[in-house]
Amino acid sequence: MSGVVEPQPPGDDQVDREEALIGGLSWIARRRVGTFIHLPAIGVRAAIRQLVPIDPAETDAVTEKETRR
């Protein structure tokens, strides 16, 4: 992932997508405004996490590749 600077150990990571409602439509619609991965914070206890912005296109490509398996 391009937003992650340091190599990360393998495992299950939590990814959050931040969305905003699109107003003025006759149906409910949202647009993505950010995608973040939860990683251990550098230099502090493992219980503390940091949010790192990542490219949503990369996340979508990985998800699509995994669902084809």
Protein backbone atom coordinates (compact mmCIF):
# COMPACT_ATOMS: atom_id res chain seq x y z
CA MET A 1 0.00 0.00 0.00
CA SER A 2 1.45 3.32 -1.03
CA GLY A 3 0.35 5.17 2.15
CA VAL A 4 2.20 2.74 4.43
CA VAL A 5 5.87 3.65 4.79
CA GLU A 6 7.20 0.81 6.98
CA PRO A 7 6.80 -2.90 6.17
CA GLN A 8 4.00 -4.38 8.30
CA PRO A 9 3.78 -7.89 9.73
CA PRO A 10 1.18 -10.18 8.13
CA GLY A 11 -2.24 -10.30 9.71
CA ASP A 12 -5.77 -9.00 9.56
CA ASP A 13 -5.88 -5.20 9.45
CA GLN A 14 -8.90 -2.97 9.89
CA VAL A 15 -9.67 -0.62 6.99
CA ASP A 16 -12.14 2.25 7.43
CA ARG A 17 -13.85 4.11 4.63
CA GLU A 18 -15.06 7.59 5.46
CA GLU A 19 -18.13 8.61 3.45
CA ALA A 20 -20.24 11.74 3.13
CA LEU A 21 -23.91 11.95 2.18
CA ILE A 22 -24.67 13.52 -1.17
CA GLY A 23 -27.56 15.92 -0.67
CA GLY A 24 -30.26 17.03 -3.06
CA LEU A 25 -31.09 13.60 -4.49
CA SER A 26 -34.34 11.66 -4.24
CA TRP A 27 -32.42 8.62 -2.96
CA ILE A 28 -29.69 8.07 -0.38
CA ALA A 29 -26.23 8.31 -1.91
CA ARG A 30 -22.76 8.58 -0.42
CA ARG A 31 -19.32 9.38 -1.77
CA ARG A 32 -16.04 8.18 -0.35
CA VAL A 33 -13.93 10.97 1.13
CA GLY A 34 -11.14 8.92 2.68
CA THR A 35 -9.78 5.42 3.26
CA PHE A 36 -7.60 4.58 6.27
CA ILE A 37 -5.84 1.53 7.65
CA HIS A 38 -5.32 0.98 11.39
CA LEU A 39 -1.65 0.24 12.20
CA PRO A 40 0.32 0.04 15.45
CA ALA A 41 1.67 3.46 16.44
CA ILE A 42 5.44 3.79 16.09
CA GLY A 43 7.45 3.86 19.33
CA VAL A 44 4.53 3.35 21.73
CA ARG A 45 2.62 0.50 23.30
CA ALA A 46 1.01 -1.97 20.90
CA ALA A 47 -2.46 -1.15 22.24
CA ILE A 48 -2.29 2.31 20.63
CA ARG A 49 -3.13 2.45 16.93
CA GLN A 50 -2.63 5.06 14.23
CA LEU A 51 -4.75 5.75 11.17
CA VAL A 52 -2.80 5.91 7.93
CA PRO A 53 -4.49 7.22 4.75
CA ILE A 54 -4.30 4.77 1.85
CA ASP A 55 -5.29 4.84 -1.81
CA PRO A 56 -8.83 3.42 -2.16
CA ALA A 57 -8.05 2.09 -5.66
CA GLU A 58 -5.33 -0.14 -4.16
CA THR A 59 -7.73 -1.39 -1.48
CA ASP A 60 -10.42 -2.12 -4.08
CA ALA A 61 -7.92 -4.03 -6.27
CA VAL A 62 -6.78 -6.20 -3.34
CA THR A 63 -10.38 -6.89 -2.28
CA GLU A 64 -11.35 -7.86 -5.83
CA LYS A 65 -8.32 -10.15 -6.15
CA GLU A 66 -9.15 -11.88 -2.84
CA THR A 67 -12.81 -12.46 -3.76
CA ARG A 68 -11.79 -14.19 -7.00
CA ARG A 69 -9.82 -16.86 -5.08
